[in-house]
Each structure stands twice: as structure tokens, then as C-alpha cells.
Amino acid sequence: MIAYVVLVAASLAIVSILLGSRTFAQAPAPQEPTGDLVTIVSGNKFQQVVPATGTKRQALTIKNNNTNNDNCWVFIGGGRASKENSIVLGPGGSYVRYWPFAPTDAIQATYV
């Protein structure tokens, strides 16, 4: 009986050495968004609100904070911005994208 207990203890010791110590770390806490506030000073004229980036964005949120019922047009990409090729955000409306769908292009916006 004692030989059996020693054999089991030795087997457990060998298994624990072979498997090694497994430690599980917690994932890092998510970073707070770097909310940049941009004010569009001139209506009916597109201005860049988000620059192009060479790296993938984790998330992108653009919100129309107008309190005067103006719509906001958001143009994504290079080239000449136009209302016809833009996303329209009504007052309080948002454009939200998460990785891998967050665009890396420059973003321009205007209001009317």
C-alpha cells in the first residue's frame, strides 16, 4: 500500500513537471477612447475632421451634436467631398464602426 502511494505521488510530480506551471494573466483593461471634439465653423463647406491613419482603428464614432436641427454630412475617403457621396446624420445621429470595419481614410464633414 505504501508503495502504491509513493508511485502515485511520483507520477503526479512527473506530470506536473512535464506540463509546467500554467499561469493565466488577465487581459489588459480597455483604453479609454481619445474623444477628439471637432467644431465645424462654416456650413456647406466640407472640412477634415479625422485625418487618415496608416494603422487600423479599433473603433470610430462620429456624432452630430448640433442643437439647432441641422443635418451633418460625413464623407469618408480621399478626393473631393460631396453631399451626394456622404452619410447624412440627423441631429443626435451617430456613425459608429468597430474593427475591422472602422475606416482608416480621412473623414470630412459639413452641416446645413
N, C-alpha and C. Protein backbone atom coordinates (compact mmCIF):
# COMPACT_ATOMS: atom_id res chain seq x y z
N MET A 1 0.81 -1.19 0.00
CA MET A 1 0.00 0.00 0.00
C MET A 1 0.86 1.26 0.00
N ILE A 2 1.93 1.27 0.80
CA ILE A 2 2.82 2.43 0.84
C ILE A 2 3.50 2.61 -0.52
N ALA A 3 3.86 1.52 -1.17
CA ALA A 3 4.49 1.60 -2.49
C ALA A 3 3.53 2.21 -3.50
N TYR A 4 2.25 1.89 -3.38
CA TYR A 4 1.23 2.43 -4.28
C TYR A 4 1.11 3.94 -4.11
N VAL A 5 1.11 4.44 -2.86
CA VAL A 5 1.00 5.87 -2.58
C VAL A 5 2.23 6.59 -3.10
N VAL A 6 3.43 5.99 -2.91
CA VAL A 6 4.66 6.61 -3.40
C VAL A 6 4.65 6.65 -4.92
N LEU A 7 4.16 5.61 -5.56
CA LEU A 7 4.09 5.55 -7.01
C LEU A 7 3.13 6.63 -7.55
N VAL A 8 1.98 6.82 -6.91
CA VAL A 8 1.02 7.84 -7.33
C VAL A 8 1.62 9.23 -7.13
N ALA A 9 2.27 9.47 -6.00
CA ALA A 9 2.89 10.78 -5.72
C ALA A 9 3.98 11.07 -6.74
N ALA A 10 4.80 10.06 -7.05
CA ALA A 10 5.87 10.24 -8.03
C ALA A 10 5.28 10.52 -9.41
N SER A 11 4.20 9.83 -9.77
CA SER A 11 3.56 10.04 -11.07
C SER A 11 3.00 11.46 -11.17
N LEU A 12 2.37 11.94 -10.11
CA LEU A 12 1.83 13.31 -10.10
C LEU A 12 2.95 14.33 -10.22
N ALA A 13 4.07 14.09 -9.54
CA ALA A 13 5.21 15.01 -9.62
C ALA A 13 5.76 15.07 -11.04
N ILE A 14 5.87 13.92 -11.68
CA ILE A 14 6.39 13.88 -13.05
C ILE A 14 5.44 14.59 -14.01
N VAL A 15 4.14 14.35 -13.86
CA VAL A 15 3.16 15.01 -14.72
C VAL A 15 3.21 16.52 -14.54
N SER A 16 3.31 17.00 -13.31
CA SER A 16 3.34 18.44 -13.07
C SER A 16 4.61 19.06 -13.63
N ILE A 17 5.73 18.34 -13.61
CA ILE A 17 6.97 18.86 -14.20
C ILE A 17 6.84 18.92 -15.72
N LEU A 18 6.27 17.89 -16.31
CA LEU A 18 6.13 17.86 -17.77
C LEU A 18 5.16 18.92 -18.29
N LEU A 19 4.08 19.12 -17.57
CA LEU A 19 3.09 20.12 -18.01
C LEU A 19 3.53 21.54 -17.71
N GLY A 20 4.37 21.70 -16.72
CA GLY A 20 4.83 23.03 -16.36
C GLY A 20 3.76 23.80 -15.62
N SER A 21 4.16 24.92 -15.14
CA SER A 21 3.25 25.78 -14.40
C SER A 21 2.48 26.64 -15.39
N ARG A 22 1.20 26.63 -15.28
CA ARG A 22 0.37 27.45 -16.18
C ARG A 22 -0.21 28.61 -15.37
N THR A 23 0.15 29.79 -15.80
CA THR A 23 -0.40 30.97 -15.17
C THR A 23 -1.24 31.71 -16.20
N PHE A 24 -2.36 32.16 -15.78
CA PHE A 24 -3.27 32.87 -16.68
C PHE A 24 -3.36 34.32 -16.23
N ALA A 25 -2.94 35.21 -17.10
CA ALA A 25 -2.99 36.63 -16.78
C ALA A 25 -4.31 37.21 -17.27
N GLN A 26 -4.73 38.26 -16.64
CA GLN A 26 -5.92 38.95 -17.10
C GLN A 26 -5.58 39.76 -18.33
N ALA A 27 -6.55 39.92 -19.19
CA ALA A 27 -6.36 40.78 -20.36
C ALA A 27 -6.22 42.21 -19.88
N PRO A 28 -5.42 43.02 -20.59
CA PRO A 28 -5.29 44.42 -20.18
C PRO A 28 -6.63 45.14 -20.26
N ALA A 29 -6.81 46.09 -19.39
CA ALA A 29 -8.05 46.86 -19.37
C ALA A 29 -8.17 47.66 -20.65
N PRO A 30 -9.36 47.77 -21.23
CA PRO A 30 -9.50 48.55 -22.46
C PRO A 30 -9.16 50.01 -22.21
N GLN A 31 -8.54 50.62 -23.21
CA GLN A 31 -8.17 52.02 -23.08
C GLN A 31 -9.38 52.90 -23.31
N GLU A 32 -9.37 54.02 -22.65
CA GLU A 32 -10.44 54.99 -22.84
C GLU A 32 -10.32 55.60 -24.24
N PRO A 33 -11.42 55.87 -24.89
CA PRO A 33 -11.35 56.50 -26.21
C PRO A 33 -10.69 57.87 -26.13
N THR A 34 -10.02 58.23 -27.20
CA THR A 34 -9.37 59.54 -27.25
C THR A 34 -10.32 60.52 -27.91
N GLY A 35 -11.47 60.76 -27.33
CA GLY A 35 -12.51 61.57 -27.93
C GLY A 35 -12.04 62.95 -28.33
N ASP A 36 -11.82 63.15 -29.62
CA ASP A 36 -11.46 64.46 -30.14
C ASP A 36 -12.75 65.17 -30.54
N LEU A 37 -12.93 66.35 -30.03
CA LEU A 37 -14.10 67.15 -30.35
C LEU A 37 -13.74 68.13 -31.45
N VAL A 38 -14.49 68.09 -32.54
CA VAL A 38 -14.24 68.97 -33.68
C VAL A 38 -15.47 69.82 -33.89
N THR A 39 -15.26 71.11 -34.04
CA THR A 39 -16.36 72.03 -34.31
C THR A 39 -16.26 72.49 -35.76
N ILE A 40 -17.33 72.29 -36.50
CA ILE A 40 -17.36 72.75 -37.89
C ILE A 40 -17.84 74.19 -37.86
N VAL A 41 -16.97 75.09 -38.31
CA VAL A 41 -17.26 76.52 -38.17
C VAL A 41 -17.99 77.12 -39.35
N SER A 42 -17.96 76.45 -40.49
CA SER A 42 -18.57 77.01 -41.69
C SER A 42 -19.46 75.96 -42.34
N GLY A 43 -20.75 76.24 -42.40
CA GLY A 43 -21.68 75.32 -43.02
C GLY A 43 -21.53 75.28 -44.54
N ASN A 44 -21.98 74.19 -45.15
CA ASN A 44 -21.93 73.98 -46.59
C ASN A 44 -20.51 73.95 -47.15
N LYS A 45 -19.52 73.73 -46.30
CA LYS A 45 -18.14 73.63 -46.74
C LYS A 45 -17.48 72.49 -45.97
N PHE A 46 -17.10 71.43 -46.68
CA PHE A 46 -16.50 70.28 -46.02
C PHE A 46 -15.15 70.64 -45.42
N GLN A 47 -14.89 70.13 -44.23
CA GLN A 47 -13.58 70.27 -43.61
C GLN A 47 -13.18 68.92 -43.02
N GLN A 48 -11.87 68.69 -42.97
CA GLN A 48 -11.39 67.42 -42.43
C GLN A 48 -11.61 67.40 -40.92
N VAL A 49 -12.25 66.32 -40.44
CA VAL A 49 -12.50 66.18 -39.01
C VAL A 49 -11.69 65.04 -38.40
N VAL A 50 -11.28 64.07 -39.24
CA VAL A 50 -10.45 62.96 -38.80
C VAL A 50 -9.39 62.72 -39.87
N PRO A 51 -8.10 62.75 -39.49
CA PRO A 51 -7.07 62.51 -40.51
C PRO A 51 -6.99 61.04 -40.89
N ALA A 52 -6.39 60.79 -42.05
CA ALA A 52 -6.13 59.40 -42.46
C ALA A 52 -5.07 58.83 -41.52
N THR A 53 -5.12 57.53 -41.31
CA THR A 53 -4.13 56.88 -40.46
C THR A 53 -3.59 55.65 -41.17
N GLY A 54 -2.32 55.36 -40.97
CA GLY A 54 -1.72 54.18 -41.58
C GLY A 54 -1.98 52.91 -40.79
N THR A 55 -2.57 53.05 -39.62
CA THR A 55 -2.84 51.88 -38.78
C THR A 55 -4.35 51.68 -38.65
N LYS A 56 -4.72 50.47 -38.34
CA LYS A 56 -6.15 50.15 -38.18
C LYS A 56 -6.70 50.85 -36.94
N ARG A 57 -7.89 51.37 -37.08
CA ARG A 57 -8.57 51.94 -35.93
C ARG A 57 -9.35 50.84 -35.23
N GLN A 58 -9.39 50.88 -33.91
CA GLN A 58 -10.17 49.91 -33.16
C GLN A 58 -11.65 50.25 -33.21
N ALA A 59 -11.95 51.53 -33.24
CA ALA A 59 -13.34 51.98 -33.29
C ALA A 59 -13.39 53.42 -33.78
N LEU A 60 -14.53 53.79 -34.30
CA LEU A 60 -14.73 55.16 -34.75
C LEU A 60 -16.18 55.53 -34.50
N THR A 61 -16.39 56.66 -33.85
CA THR A 61 -17.74 57.18 -33.62
C THR A 61 -17.76 58.65 -34.01
N ILE A 62 -18.69 58.99 -34.88
CA ILE A 62 -18.91 60.39 -35.25
C ILE A 62 -20.36 60.70 -34.90
N LYS A 63 -20.56 61.75 -34.12
CA LYS A 63 -21.91 62.09 -33.66
C LYS A 63 -22.24 63.53 -34.04
N ASN A 64 -23.47 63.73 -34.48
CA ASN A 64 -23.96 65.06 -34.78
C ASN A 64 -24.52 65.65 -33.48
N ASN A 65 -23.77 66.55 -32.88
CA ASN A 65 -24.18 67.18 -31.62
C ASN A 65 -24.90 68.50 -31.81
N ASN A 66 -25.30 68.81 -33.04
CA ASN A 66 -26.00 70.08 -33.27
C ASN A 66 -27.27 70.16 -32.44
N THR A 67 -27.52 71.33 -31.91
CA THR A 67 -28.75 71.53 -31.14
C THR A 67 -29.76 72.39 -31.91
N ASN A 68 -29.42 72.71 -33.16
CA ASN A 68 -30.28 73.59 -33.95
C ASN A 68 -30.96 72.87 -35.11
N ASN A 69 -31.09 71.54 -35.02
CA ASN A 69 -31.76 70.72 -36.03
C ASN A 69 -31.06 70.65 -37.38
N ASP A 70 -29.77 71.00 -37.46
CA ASP A 70 -29.02 70.88 -38.70
C ASP A 70 -28.57 69.44 -38.91
N ASN A 71 -28.60 69.00 -40.17
CA ASN A 71 -28.03 67.70 -40.53
C ASN A 71 -26.53 67.84 -40.71
N CYS A 72 -25.83 66.74 -40.57
CA CYS A 72 -24.39 66.70 -40.77
C CYS A 72 -24.09 65.68 -41.86
N TRP A 73 -23.26 66.06 -42.84
CA TRP A 73 -22.85 65.16 -43.91
C TRP A 73 -21.42 64.72 -43.63
N VAL A 74 -21.20 63.41 -43.66
CA VAL A 74 -19.88 62.83 -43.37
C VAL A 74 -19.38 62.12 -44.61
N PHE A 75 -18.23 62.56 -45.11
CA PHE A 75 -17.61 61.98 -46.31
C PHE A 75 -16.36 61.23 -45.90
N ILE A 76 -16.27 59.96 -46.27
CA ILE A 76 -15.12 59.12 -45.92
C ILE A 76 -14.33 58.83 -47.18
N GLY A 77 -13.02 59.09 -47.12
CA GLY A 77 -12.14 58.79 -48.25
C GLY A 77 -11.43 60.02 -48.77
N GLY A 78 -10.54 59.77 -49.72
CA GLY A 78 -9.81 60.86 -50.35
C GLY A 78 -10.64 61.47 -51.47
N GLY A 79 -10.11 62.48 -52.05
CA GLY A 79 -10.81 63.11 -53.15
C GLY A 79 -11.75 64.22 -52.71
N ARG A 80 -12.53 64.68 -53.66
CA ARG A 80 -13.43 65.81 -53.40
C ARG A 80 -14.70 65.33 -52.70
N ALA A 81 -14.97 65.89 -51.54
CA ALA A 81 -16.16 65.52 -50.77
C ALA A 81 -17.40 66.14 -51.40
N SER A 82 -18.50 65.40 -51.36
CA SER A 82 -19.77 65.92 -51.85
C SER A 82 -20.90 65.34 -51.00
N LYS A 83 -21.99 66.06 -50.94
CA LYS A 83 -23.15 65.58 -50.17
C LYS A 83 -23.73 64.32 -50.78
N GLU A 84 -23.66 64.21 -52.11
CA GLU A 84 -24.22 63.05 -52.79
C GLU A 84 -23.52 61.75 -52.39
N ASN A 85 -22.24 61.83 -52.05
CA ASN A 85 -21.46 60.64 -51.69
C ASN A 85 -21.19 60.58 -50.19
N SER A 86 -22.01 61.22 -49.40
CA SER A 86 -21.80 61.29 -47.95
C SER A 86 -22.87 60.55 -47.18
N ILE A 87 -22.58 60.33 -45.94
CA ILE A 87 -23.54 59.75 -44.99
C ILE A 87 -24.20 60.92 -44.26
N VAL A 88 -25.52 60.92 -44.20
CA VAL A 88 -26.24 62.00 -43.54
C VAL A 88 -26.57 61.60 -42.11
N LEU A 89 -26.18 62.47 -41.17
CA LEU A 89 -26.51 62.25 -39.76
C LEU A 89 -27.47 63.35 -39.33
N GLY A 90 -28.65 62.96 -38.91
CA GLY A 90 -29.60 63.92 -38.37
C GLY A 90 -29.15 64.37 -36.99
N PRO A 91 -29.81 65.36 -36.41
CA PRO A 91 -29.46 65.82 -35.07
C PRO A 91 -29.46 64.66 -34.08
N GLY A 92 -28.37 64.49 -33.36
CA GLY A 92 -28.23 63.40 -32.40
C GLY A 92 -27.83 62.08 -33.03
N GLY A 93 -27.75 62.02 -34.36
CA GLY A 93 -27.39 60.79 -35.06
C GLY A 93 -25.91 60.46 -34.94
N SER A 94 -25.58 59.18 -35.11
CA SER A 94 -24.20 58.73 -34.98
C SER A 94 -23.81 57.79 -36.11
N TYR A 95 -22.53 57.81 -36.43
CA TYR A 95 -21.92 56.85 -37.35
C TYR A 95 -20.90 56.11 -36.49
N VAL A 96 -21.10 54.79 -36.31
CA VAL A 96 -20.24 54.00 -35.42
C VAL A 96 -19.72 52.79 -36.19
N ARG A 97 -18.42 52.57 -36.13
CA ARG A 97 -17.80 51.40 -36.74
C ARG A 97 -16.74 50.86 -35.79
N TYR A 98 -16.64 49.53 -35.73
CA TYR A 98 -15.64 48.86 -34.91
C TYR A 98 -14.72 48.05 -35.81
N TRP A 99 -13.53 47.75 -35.29
CA TRP A 99 -12.57 46.93 -36.02
C TRP A 99 -13.23 45.63 -36.41
N PRO A 100 -13.06 45.12 -37.58
CA PRO A 100 -12.19 45.56 -38.67
C PRO A 100 -12.88 46.47 -39.68
N PHE A 101 -14.03 47.02 -39.33
CA PHE A 101 -14.81 47.84 -40.26
C PHE A 101 -14.62 49.34 -40.06
N ALA A 102 -13.78 49.76 -39.12
CA ALA A 102 -13.52 51.18 -38.92
C ALA A 102 -12.60 51.67 -40.03
N PRO A 103 -13.01 52.69 -40.79
CA PRO A 103 -12.20 53.15 -41.91
C PRO A 103 -10.90 53.82 -41.45
N THR A 104 -9.87 53.70 -42.27
CA THR A 104 -8.59 54.34 -41.98
C THR A 104 -8.38 55.59 -42.84
N ASP A 105 -9.34 55.87 -43.71
CA ASP A 105 -9.25 57.04 -44.61
C ASP A 105 -9.52 58.33 -43.84
N ALA A 106 -9.20 59.43 -44.49
CA ALA A 106 -9.54 60.74 -43.94
C ALA A 106 -11.06 60.88 -43.96
N ILE A 107 -11.57 61.67 -43.03
CA ILE A 107 -13.02 61.89 -42.94
C ILE A 107 -13.27 63.40 -42.93
N GLN A 108 -14.19 63.83 -43.79
CA GLN A 108 -14.57 65.22 -43.87
C GLN A 108 -16.04 65.36 -43.52
N ALA A 109 -16.42 66.52 -43.03
CA ALA A 109 -17.82 66.72 -42.65
C ALA A 109 -18.23 68.17 -42.86
N THR A 110 -19.53 68.36 -42.98
CA THR A 110 -20.11 69.69 -43.04
C THR A 110 -21.54 69.62 -42.51
N TYR A 111 -22.17 70.74 -42.34
CA TYR A 111 -23.57 70.77 -41.89
C TYR A 111 -24.34 71.79 -42.70
N VAL A 112 -25.65 71.61 -42.66
CA VAL A 112 -26.57 72.57 -43.28
C VAL A 112 -27.83 72.60 -42.47
